[in-house]
Amino acid sequence: MSSKLSLNLATIRPTPLEKKLRAASTGGFRAVGLLWEEMSQQGEAAIQEVRLSGLSVSELAGISGWMDGDGGARSVPPARGEQAFELAANVGCELVIAWPALGAVDLVAAARQFRELCRLARPFGVKVGLEFAGGSERVNTLAAAWQIVEAAEAPNGGLVVDSFHFFRGGSAPGMLEPVPGSRILLVQLSDCMELPRHEMRDRHRIYPGQGVLPLEPLLGALRAKGYAGYYSLELHNEQYWREDPVVVAREGLRSMRRLDIR
């Protein structure tokens, strides 16, 4: 088993947390990505389940509402962000994912808000990864996300590269050139059914290597950057949710290994 491969628990979402953790372990994973919404609802009991599982935690996904969008004020107060960072620290997780606003965004203001988020995370020893979203109006490419992270000048801030959003938003491997490898904090992997880019939705994600996304050029560019962090399998496909979670975990791990990710 590889310590670099992780199962984001959204891949087997409807299953109770304890069974999700067991399925990930039985399926061959040593690490999981946790869901902030699920963990915050279950509180201390969830933290104990994660600790007892013996699994490492690659990411806590994710907090939204911290970035102004469409002229509206951000909806996540600082205390809410601090709760996520504290929870991450309590399960030994070094990374909390921050999701961008989907509408119009002032990138200068977004950089300032991201810097504040990173400042709140620092006392907990946690990093903040900005994940660009292919369906966002402004923060839809790696280049746009890097503009925010670079301007924020926060040493514990960086990027989350999700292969689905990478291709849906029109990013290209060349956009990685100005990004230091140390600022790439997580890679989330999935493939996608054959659809026009503007029709791609999370529910169309499928196992890596079984769809139409040209994953190898992206993976090659990440290797060239010296990326040595986690590769987290993140699928939101409702068909997979109806299957045995152990079977999904095993097939997911096999699909990642076929791409020679170790």
Protein backbone atom coordinates (compact mmCIF):
# COMPACT_ATOMS: atom_id res chain seq x y z
CA MET A 1 0.00 0.00 0.00
CA SER A 2 1.14 3.53 -0.69
CA SER A 3 1.07 6.31 1.87
CA LYS A 4 0.52 8.79 -0.97
CA LEU A 5 -2.94 7.56 -1.92
CA SER A 6 -6.02 8.73 -0.05
CA LEU A 7 -9.77 8.21 -0.30
CA ASN A 8 -11.85 11.33 0.07
CA LEU A 9 -14.93 10.09 1.91
CA ALA A 10 -17.26 11.97 -0.44
CA THR A 11 -16.60 9.03 -2.77
CA ILE A 12 -18.68 6.79 -0.48
CA ARG A 13 -20.73 9.60 1.05
CA PRO A 14 -24.05 8.03 2.23
CA THR A 15 -22.31 5.42 4.39
CA PRO A 16 -21.99 6.23 8.14
CA LEU A 17 -18.57 7.55 9.14
CA GLU A 18 -17.43 4.44 11.04
CA LYS A 19 -18.26 2.22 8.05
CA LYS A 20 -16.63 4.64 5.62
CA LEU A 21 -13.40 4.51 7.58
CA ARG A 22 -13.54 0.72 7.73
CA ALA A 23 -14.25 0.51 3.99
CA ALA A 24 -11.30 2.76 3.19
CA SER A 25 -8.97 0.63 5.30
CA THR A 26 -10.33 -2.68 3.99
CA GLY A 27 -10.08 -1.36 0.45
CA GLY A 28 -6.35 -0.76 0.88
CA PHE A 29 -6.08 2.95 1.72
CA ARG A 30 -3.90 4.24 4.53
CA ALA A 31 -5.34 7.75 4.43
CA VAL A 32 -8.69 9.46 4.01
CA GLY A 33 -9.99 12.91 3.24
CA LEU A 34 -12.66 13.98 5.74
CA LEU A 35 -15.76 16.10 5.18
CA TRP A 36 -15.97 19.18 7.40
CA GLU A 37 -19.77 19.19 7.33
CA GLU A 38 -19.96 15.59 8.57
CA MET A 39 -17.24 15.97 11.17
CA SER A 40 -18.64 19.20 12.61
CA GLN A 41 -22.12 17.69 12.96
CA GLN A 42 -20.89 14.62 14.83
CA GLY A 43 -18.39 16.41 17.04
CA GLU A 44 -16.10 14.58 19.46
CA ALA A 45 -17.53 11.15 18.58
CA ALA A 46 -16.35 11.58 14.99
CA ILE A 47 -12.89 12.67 16.10
CA GLN A 48 -12.60 9.54 18.23
CA GLU A 49 -13.68 7.31 15.34
CA VAL A 50 -11.00 8.79 13.10
CA ARG A 51 -8.34 8.35 15.76
CA LEU A 52 -9.37 4.73 16.41
CA SER A 53 -9.30 3.91 12.70
CA GLY A 54 -5.53 4.27 12.53
CA LEU A 55 -5.88 6.09 9.19
CA SER A 56 -3.98 9.25 8.35
CA VAL A 57 -5.98 12.28 7.23
CA SER A 58 -4.92 13.93 3.98
CA GLU A 59 -7.43 16.78 3.96
CA LEU A 60 -10.47 18.29 5.63
CA ALA A 61 -12.88 19.45 2.94
CA GLY A 62 -13.87 22.16 2.96
CA ILE A 63 -14.94 25.61 4.10
CA SER A 64 -16.85 28.03 1.89
CA GLY A 65 -18.43 31.44 2.42
CA TRP A 66 -15.15 33.08 3.43
CA MET A 67 -14.76 34.90 0.09
CA ASP A 68 -16.97 37.79 -1.03
CA GLY A 69 -18.98 36.96 -4.14
CA ASP A 70 -21.52 38.77 -6.32
CA GLY A 71 -21.16 41.87 -4.17
CA GLY A 72 -22.37 40.01 -1.07
CA ALA A 73 -20.52 39.83 2.20
CA ARG A 74 -18.82 36.59 3.14
CA SER A 75 -20.97 34.38 5.33
CA VAL A 76 -18.40 32.46 7.36
CA PRO A 77 -17.35 34.29 10.55
CA PRO A 78 -13.75 33.88 11.75
CA ALA A 79 -14.84 31.60 14.61
CA ARG A 80 -16.28 29.11 12.11
CA GLY A 81 -12.98 28.92 10.28
CA GLU A 82 -11.13 28.45 13.56
CA GLN A 83 -13.40 25.51 14.40
CA ALA A 84 -12.38 23.79 11.18
CA PHE A 85 -8.69 24.41 11.84
CA GLU A 86 -8.95 23.13 15.41
CA LEU A 87 -10.79 20.01 14.27
CA ALA A 88 -8.14 19.36 11.62
CA ALA A 89 -5.40 19.64 14.23
CA ASN A 90 -7.28 17.26 16.53
CA VAL A 91 -7.26 14.48 13.90
CA GLY A 92 -3.67 15.10 12.80
CA CYS A 93 -4.67 16.72 9.51
CA GLU A 94 -2.35 19.37 8.13
CA LEU A 95 -4.64 20.74 5.40
CA VAL A 96 -8.05 22.40 5.29
CA ILE A 97 -9.50 23.06 1.85
CA ALA A 98 -11.03 26.48 1.16
CA TRP A 99 -13.61 26.64 -1.63
CA PRO A 100 -14.03 29.86 -3.64
CA ALA A 101 -17.16 31.88 -4.33
CA LEU A 102 -18.83 30.78 -7.55
CA GLY A 103 -19.93 34.21 -8.76
CA ALA A 104 -18.12 37.46 -9.52
CA VAL A 105 -15.09 37.97 -7.29
CA ASP A 106 -12.67 40.82 -6.67
CA LEU A 107 -9.37 38.93 -6.77
CA VAL A 108 -7.57 41.60 -4.72
CA ALA A 109 -10.17 41.33 -1.95
CA ALA A 110 -10.08 37.54 -2.26
CA ALA A 111 -6.32 37.55 -1.65
CA ARG A 112 -6.81 39.67 1.46
CA GLN A 113 -9.51 37.30 2.73
CA PHE A 114 -7.38 34.25 1.99
CA ARG A 115 -4.50 35.82 3.92
CA GLU A 116 -6.82 36.27 6.90
CA LEU A 117 -7.94 32.64 6.67
CA CYS A 118 -4.32 31.50 6.68
CA ARG A 119 -3.56 33.73 9.67
CA LEU A 120 -6.36 32.05 11.65
CA ALA A 121 -5.03 28.60 10.70
CA ARG A 122 -1.44 29.26 11.72
CA PRO A 123 -1.79 28.78 15.53
CA PHE A 124 -3.17 25.29 14.86
CA GLY A 125 -0.24 24.28 12.65
CA VAL A 126 -2.63 23.88 9.70
CA LYS A 127 -2.23 24.85 6.05
CA VAL A 128 -5.03 26.24 3.89
CA GLY A 129 -5.40 25.01 0.33
CA LEU A 130 -7.39 27.10 -2.14
CA GLU A 131 -9.26 24.84 -4.54
CA PHE A 132 -10.31 26.49 -7.79
CA ALA A 133 -13.69 25.39 -9.14
CA GLY A 134 -14.35 24.81 -12.84
CA GLY A 135 -17.84 26.25 -12.49
CA SER A 136 -16.75 29.43 -10.72
CA GLU A 137 -17.07 32.67 -12.64
CA ARG A 138 -13.61 33.99 -11.72
CA VAL A 139 -11.72 31.42 -9.63
CA ASN A 140 -12.10 28.68 -12.23
CA THR A 141 -8.50 28.05 -13.29
CA LEU A 142 -5.22 27.23 -11.62
CA ALA A 143 -3.85 30.58 -12.82
CA ALA A 144 -6.65 32.54 -11.11
CA ALA A 145 -6.23 30.60 -7.87
CA TRP A 146 -2.47 31.09 -7.91
CA GLN A 147 -2.97 34.82 -8.39
CA ILE A 148 -4.92 34.88 -5.11
CA VAL A 149 -2.49 32.64 -3.21
CA GLU A 150 0.60 34.47 -4.43
CA ALA A 151 -0.86 37.89 -3.58
CA ALA A 152 -1.89 36.69 -0.11
CA GLU A 153 1.78 36.06 0.80
CA ALA A 154 0.78 33.55 3.48
CA PRO A 155 3.46 30.92 4.10
CA ASN A 156 0.86 28.33 5.12
CA GLY A 157 -1.33 28.93 2.07
CA GLY A 158 -1.24 27.03 -1.20
CA LEU A 159 -3.21 25.33 -3.94
CA VAL A 160 -5.39 22.26 -4.20
CA VAL A 161 -5.38 20.85 -7.74
CA ASP A 162 -8.52 18.85 -8.55
CA SER A 163 -8.21 17.11 -11.93
CA PHE A 164 -11.94 17.43 -12.65
CA HIS A 165 -11.99 21.19 -12.01
CA PHE A 166 -8.63 21.55 -13.75
CA PHE A 167 -10.06 20.40 -17.07
CA ARG A 168 -13.61 21.64 -16.63
CA GLY A 169 -12.39 25.20 -16.03
CA GLY A 170 -9.94 25.17 -18.94
CA SER A 171 -6.65 25.02 -17.04
CA ALA A 172 -3.53 23.74 -18.79
CA PRO A 173 -0.39 22.06 -17.38
CA GLY A 174 1.66 25.11 -18.38
CA MET A 175 -0.15 27.13 -15.70
CA LEU A 176 1.90 25.22 -13.15
CA GLU A 177 5.16 26.79 -14.36
CA PRO A 178 5.19 29.80 -11.99
CA VAL A 179 3.95 27.79 -9.00
CA PRO A 180 6.62 26.46 -6.61
CA GLY A 181 6.15 22.76 -5.99
CA SER A 182 5.98 23.42 -2.24
CA ARG A 183 2.80 25.48 -2.73
CA ILE A 184 0.88 22.56 -4.23
CA LEU A 185 -0.69 21.12 -1.09
CA LEU A 186 -2.98 18.39 -2.45
CA VAL A 187 -4.00 16.73 -5.71
CA GLN A 188 -7.54 15.37 -5.97
CA LEU A 189 -8.10 12.82 -8.69
CA SER A 190 -11.06 11.77 -10.79
CA ASP A 191 -11.88 11.25 -14.43
CA CYS A 192 -15.04 12.33 -16.23
CA MET A 193 -17.62 10.98 -18.62
CA GLU A 194 -17.47 12.25 -22.21
CA LEU A 195 -19.37 15.54 -22.16
CA PRO A 196 -18.83 19.11 -23.35
CA ARG A 197 -16.92 21.00 -20.67
CA HIS A 198 -19.84 23.30 -19.83
CA GLU A 199 -22.05 20.26 -19.12
CA MET A 200 -19.62 18.54 -16.75
CA ARG A 201 -20.90 18.24 -13.19
CA ASP A 202 -19.56 16.51 -10.10
CA ARG A 203 -21.97 13.61 -10.62
CA HIS A 204 -20.16 12.80 -13.89
CA ARG A 205 -16.89 11.97 -12.13
CA ILE A 206 -15.65 8.41 -12.64
CA TYR A 207 -12.60 6.34 -11.72
CA PRO A 208 -9.29 7.79 -13.00
CA GLY A 209 -8.30 6.30 -16.33
CA GLN A 210 -11.86 5.31 -17.27
CA GLY A 211 -12.95 8.61 -18.79
CA VAL A 212 -11.87 11.25 -21.26
CA LEU A 213 -9.67 13.56 -19.18
CA PRO A 214 -6.01 13.68 -20.30
CA LEU A 215 -4.63 12.99 -16.84
CA GLU A 216 -1.08 11.99 -17.75
CA PRO A 217 0.08 15.47 -18.92
CA LEU A 218 -1.17 16.94 -15.64
CA LEU A 219 0.44 14.18 -13.58
CA GLY A 220 3.66 14.58 -15.52
CA ALA A 221 3.71 18.32 -14.85
CA LEU A 222 3.14 17.68 -11.14
CA ARG A 223 5.98 15.15 -11.06
CA ALA A 224 8.25 17.68 -12.77
CA LYS A 225 7.38 20.11 -9.97
CA GLY A 226 8.57 17.57 -7.45
CA TYR A 227 5.12 17.16 -5.96
CA ALA A 228 5.32 14.53 -3.22
CA GLY A 229 2.04 14.98 -1.37
CA TYR A 230 -1.19 13.05 -1.28
CA TYR A 231 -3.30 12.07 -4.27
CA SER A 232 -6.86 11.95 -3.00
CA LEU A 233 -9.59 10.09 -4.90
CA GLU A 234 -12.68 12.31 -4.93
CA LEU A 235 -15.78 11.07 -6.75
CA HIS A 236 -19.31 12.44 -6.28
CA ASN A 237 -20.98 9.86 -8.49
CA GLU A 238 -24.33 8.72 -7.07
CA GLN A 239 -23.97 5.39 -8.86
CA TYR A 240 -20.88 4.64 -6.76
CA TRP A 241 -22.77 5.72 -3.65
CA ARG A 242 -25.25 2.87 -4.25
CA GLU A 243 -22.50 0.26 -4.47
CA ASP A 244 -20.63 -1.59 -1.72
CA PRO A 245 -18.20 1.02 -0.30
CA VAL A 246 -15.43 -1.57 0.07
CA VAL A 247 -15.76 -2.46 -3.63
CA VAL A 248 -15.66 1.24 -4.58
CA ALA A 249 -12.58 1.80 -2.41
CA ARG A 250 -10.75 -1.19 -3.92
CA GLU A 251 -11.59 -0.24 -7.50
CA GLY A 252 -10.62 3.35 -6.81
CA LEU A 253 -7.23 2.29 -5.46
CA ARG A 254 -6.64 0.02 -8.47
CA SER A 255 -7.52 2.84 -10.85
CA MET A 256 -4.97 5.15 -9.20
CA ARG A 257 -2.24 2.51 -9.29
CA ARG A 258 -2.84 1.96 -13.01
CA LEU A 259 -1.77 5.58 -13.46
CA ASP A 260 1.48 4.68 -11.68
CA ILE A 261 0.74 6.95 -8.73
CA ARG A 262 2.58 5.49 -5.75
